[in-house]
């Protein structure tokens, strides 16, 4: 694959997370979970992978005595997501050129 293709981001759930965050900036964990219809554990697992890759930043804080987590794409994450989407668009365009 081309240099823009990213195996970490390509996993469907992580691709959806990055797409959501790319358009939103920082989002609260529960909002991401609900928007993507994921369980807490599934979202946590995928966010951990993205965080370890340096693609997302998690920030914890307290709101009305409850701990909350906010998630945002890092600069590296936004760049990797953009490059991955561009690579997918190239793949789709080359498929459109084929006579099937």
C-alpha atoms as a PDB file:
ATOM      1  CA  UNK A   1       0.000   0.000   0.000  1.00  0.00           C
ATOM      2  CA  UNK A   2       1.026   3.636  -0.323  1.00  0.00           C
ATOM      3  CA  UNK A   3       2.735   5.548   2.413  1.00  0.00           C
ATOM      4  CA  UNK A   4      -0.531   7.144   3.546  1.00  0.00           C
ATOM      5  CA  UNK A   5      -2.213   3.855   4.407  1.00  0.00           C
ATOM      6  CA  UNK A   6      -2.226   3.368   8.174  1.00  0.00           C
ATOM      7  CA  UNK A   7      -2.907  -0.090   9.638  1.00  0.00           C
ATOM      8  CA  UNK A   8      -3.700   1.377  13.073  1.00  0.00           C
ATOM      9  CA  UNK A   9      -6.332   3.781  11.774  1.00  0.00           C
ATOM     10  CA  UNK A  10      -7.713   1.395   9.148  1.00  0.00           C
ATOM     11  CA  UNK A  11      -9.520  -0.832  11.676  1.00  0.00           C
ATOM     12  CA  UNK A  12     -13.185   0.171  11.102  1.00  0.00           C
ATOM     13  CA  UNK A  13     -13.941   1.267  14.673  1.00  0.00           C
ATOM     14  CA  UNK A  14     -10.752   3.333  14.896  1.00  0.00           C
ATOM     15  CA  UNK A  15     -11.434   4.845  11.468  1.00  0.00           C
ATOM     16  CA  UNK A  16     -14.879   5.918  12.695  1.00  0.00           C
ATOM     17  CA  UNK A  17     -13.403   7.361  15.910  1.00  0.00           C
ATOM     18  CA  UNK A  18     -10.838   9.393  13.961  1.00  0.00           C
ATOM     19  CA  UNK A  19     -13.481  10.617  11.496  1.00  0.00           C
ATOM     20  CA  UNK A  20     -15.700  11.773  14.351  1.00  0.00           C
ATOM     21  CA  UNK A  21     -12.877  13.528  16.178  1.00  0.00           C
ATOM     22  CA  UNK A  22     -11.470  15.109  13.002  1.00  0.00           C
ATOM     23  CA  UNK A  23     -14.617  17.147  12.591  1.00  0.00           C
ATOM     24  CA  UNK A  24     -15.248  17.904  16.231  1.00  0.00           C
ATOM     25  CA  UNK A  25     -12.055  18.809  18.034  1.00  0.00           C
ATOM     26  CA  UNK A  26     -12.327  17.589  21.622  1.00  0.00           C
ATOM     27  CA  UNK A  27     -15.254  15.373  22.613  1.00  0.00           C
ATOM     28  CA  UNK A  28     -16.368  13.823  25.887  1.00  0.00           C
ATOM     29  CA  UNK A  29     -15.929  10.041  26.054  1.00  0.00           C
ATOM     30  CA  UNK A  30     -19.661   9.423  26.518  1.00  0.00           C
ATOM     31  CA  UNK A  31     -20.524  11.518  23.479  1.00  0.00           C
ATOM     32  CA  UNK A  32     -18.089   9.531  21.325  1.00  0.00           C
ATOM     33  CA  UNK A  33     -19.429   6.261  22.754  1.00  0.00           C
ATOM     34  CA  UNK A  34     -23.038   7.205  22.048  1.00  0.00           C
ATOM     35  CA  UNK A  35     -22.349   8.683  18.598  1.00  0.00           C
ATOM     36  CA  UNK A  36     -20.672   5.462  17.483  1.00  0.00           C
ATOM     37  CA  UNK A  37     -22.981   3.119  19.440  1.00  0.00           C
ATOM     38  CA  UNK A  38     -20.075   1.425  21.228  1.00  0.00           C
ATOM     39  CA  UNK A  39     -19.750   0.007  24.718  1.00  0.00           C
ATOM     40  CA  UNK A  40     -17.403   1.710  27.175  1.00  0.00           C
ATOM     41  CA  UNK A  41     -14.999  -1.230  27.036  1.00  0.00           C
ATOM     42  CA  UNK A  42     -14.823  -1.354  23.230  1.00  0.00           C
ATOM     43  CA  UNK A  43     -14.271   2.398  22.966  1.00  0.00           C
ATOM     44  CA  UNK A  44     -11.636   2.308  25.724  1.00  0.00           C
ATOM     45  CA  UNK A  45      -9.757  -0.491  23.976  1.00  0.00           C
ATOM     46  CA  UNK A  46      -9.607   1.359  20.660  1.00  0.00           C
ATOM     47  CA  UNK A  47      -8.726   4.683  22.277  1.00  0.00           C
ATOM     48  CA  UNK A  48      -5.833   2.999  24.091  1.00  0.00           C
ATOM     49  CA  UNK A  49      -4.419   1.750  20.774  1.00  0.00           C
ATOM     50  CA  UNK A  50      -4.812   5.194  19.204  1.00  0.00           C
ATOM     51  CA  UNK A  51      -3.251   6.853  22.261  1.00  0.00           C
ATOM     52  CA  UNK A  52      -0.270   4.482  22.228  1.00  0.00           C
ATOM     53  CA  UNK A  53       0.259   5.342  18.550  1.00  0.00           C
ATOM     54  CA  UNK A  54       0.229   9.048  19.456  1.00  0.00           C
ATOM     55  CA  UNK A  55      -2.937   9.696  17.467  1.00  0.00           C
ATOM     56  CA  UNK A  56      -5.279  10.775  20.281  1.00  0.00           C
ATOM     57  CA  UNK A  57      -4.874  12.615  23.558  1.00  0.00           C
ATOM     58  CA  UNK A  58      -7.074  11.784  26.542  1.00  0.00           C
ATOM     59  CA  UNK A  59      -7.724  14.447  29.181  1.00  0.00           C
ATOM     60  CA  UNK A  60      -9.412  13.688  32.480  1.00  0.00           C
ATOM     61  CA  UNK A  61     -11.243  16.217  34.585  1.00  0.00           C
ATOM     62  CA  UNK A  62     -13.985  16.516  37.158  1.00  0.00           C
ATOM     63  CA  UNK A  63     -17.463  17.831  36.416  1.00  0.00           C
ATOM     64  CA  UNK A  64     -19.930  17.978  39.315  1.00  0.00           C
ATOM     65  CA  UNK A  65     -17.764  15.572  41.355  1.00  0.00           C
ATOM     66  CA  UNK A  66     -17.692  13.017  38.515  1.00  0.00           C
ATOM     67  CA  UNK A  67     -14.547  12.166  36.596  1.00  0.00           C
ATOM     68  CA  UNK A  68     -14.921  12.747  32.872  1.00  0.00           C
ATOM     69  CA  UNK A  69     -12.620  11.951  29.967  1.00  0.00           C
ATOM     70  CA  UNK A  70     -12.262  14.090  26.868  1.00  0.00           C
ATOM     71  CA  UNK A  71     -10.669  12.866  23.662  1.00  0.00           C
ATOM     72  CA  UNK A  72      -9.085  14.749  20.787  1.00  0.00           C
ATOM     73  CA  UNK A  73      -6.921  13.924  17.798  1.00  0.00           C
ATOM     74  CA  UNK A  74      -3.316  14.984  18.149  1.00  0.00           C
ATOM     75  CA  UNK A  75      -1.581  16.840  15.342  1.00  0.00           C
ATOM     76  CA  UNK A  76       0.079  13.541  14.376  1.00  0.00           C
ATOM     77  CA  UNK A  77      -3.301  11.787  14.514  1.00  0.00           C
ATOM     78  CA  UNK A  78      -4.974  14.384  12.326  1.00  0.00           C
ATOM     79  CA  UNK A  79      -2.148  14.118   9.796  1.00  0.00           C
ATOM     80  CA  UNK A  80      -2.215  10.319   9.784  1.00  0.00           C
ATOM     81  CA  UNK A  81      -6.006  10.296   9.413  1.00  0.00           C
ATOM     82  CA  UNK A  82      -5.881  12.786   6.528  1.00  0.00           C
ATOM     83  CA  UNK A  83      -3.160  10.777   4.746  1.00  0.00           C
ATOM     84  CA  UNK A  84      -5.105   7.540   5.285  1.00  0.00           C
ATOM     85  CA  UNK A  85      -8.309   9.012   3.864  1.00  0.00           C
ATOM     86  CA  UNK A  86      -6.400  10.347   0.861  1.00  0.00           C
ATOM     87  CA  UNK A  87      -4.949   6.874   0.267  1.00  0.00           C
ATOM     88  CA  UNK A  88      -8.427   5.320   0.483  1.00  0.00           C
ATOM     89  CA  UNK A  89      -9.695   7.891  -2.026  1.00  0.00           C
ATOM     90  CA  UNK A  90      -6.877   6.930  -4.419  1.00  0.00           C
ATOM     91  CA  UNK A  91      -7.796   3.263  -4.041  1.00  0.00           C
ATOM     92  CA  UNK A  92     -11.459   4.018  -4.678  1.00  0.00           C
ATOM     93  CA  UNK A  93     -10.613   6.132  -7.726  1.00  0.00           C
ATOM     94  CA  UNK A  94      -8.468   3.358  -9.197  1.00  0.00           C
ATOM     95  CA  UNK A  95     -11.322   0.895  -8.650  1.00  0.00           C
ATOM     96  CA  UNK A  96     -13.683   3.268 -10.472  1.00  0.00           C
ATOM     97  CA  UNK A  97     -11.324   3.146 -13.453  1.00  0.00           C
ATOM     98  CA  UNK A  98     -11.694  -0.633 -13.753  1.00  0.00           C
ATOM     99  CA  UNK A  99     -14.338  -2.170 -15.945  1.00  0.00           C
ATOM    100  CA  UNK A 100     -16.021  -4.745 -13.742  1.00  0.00           C
END
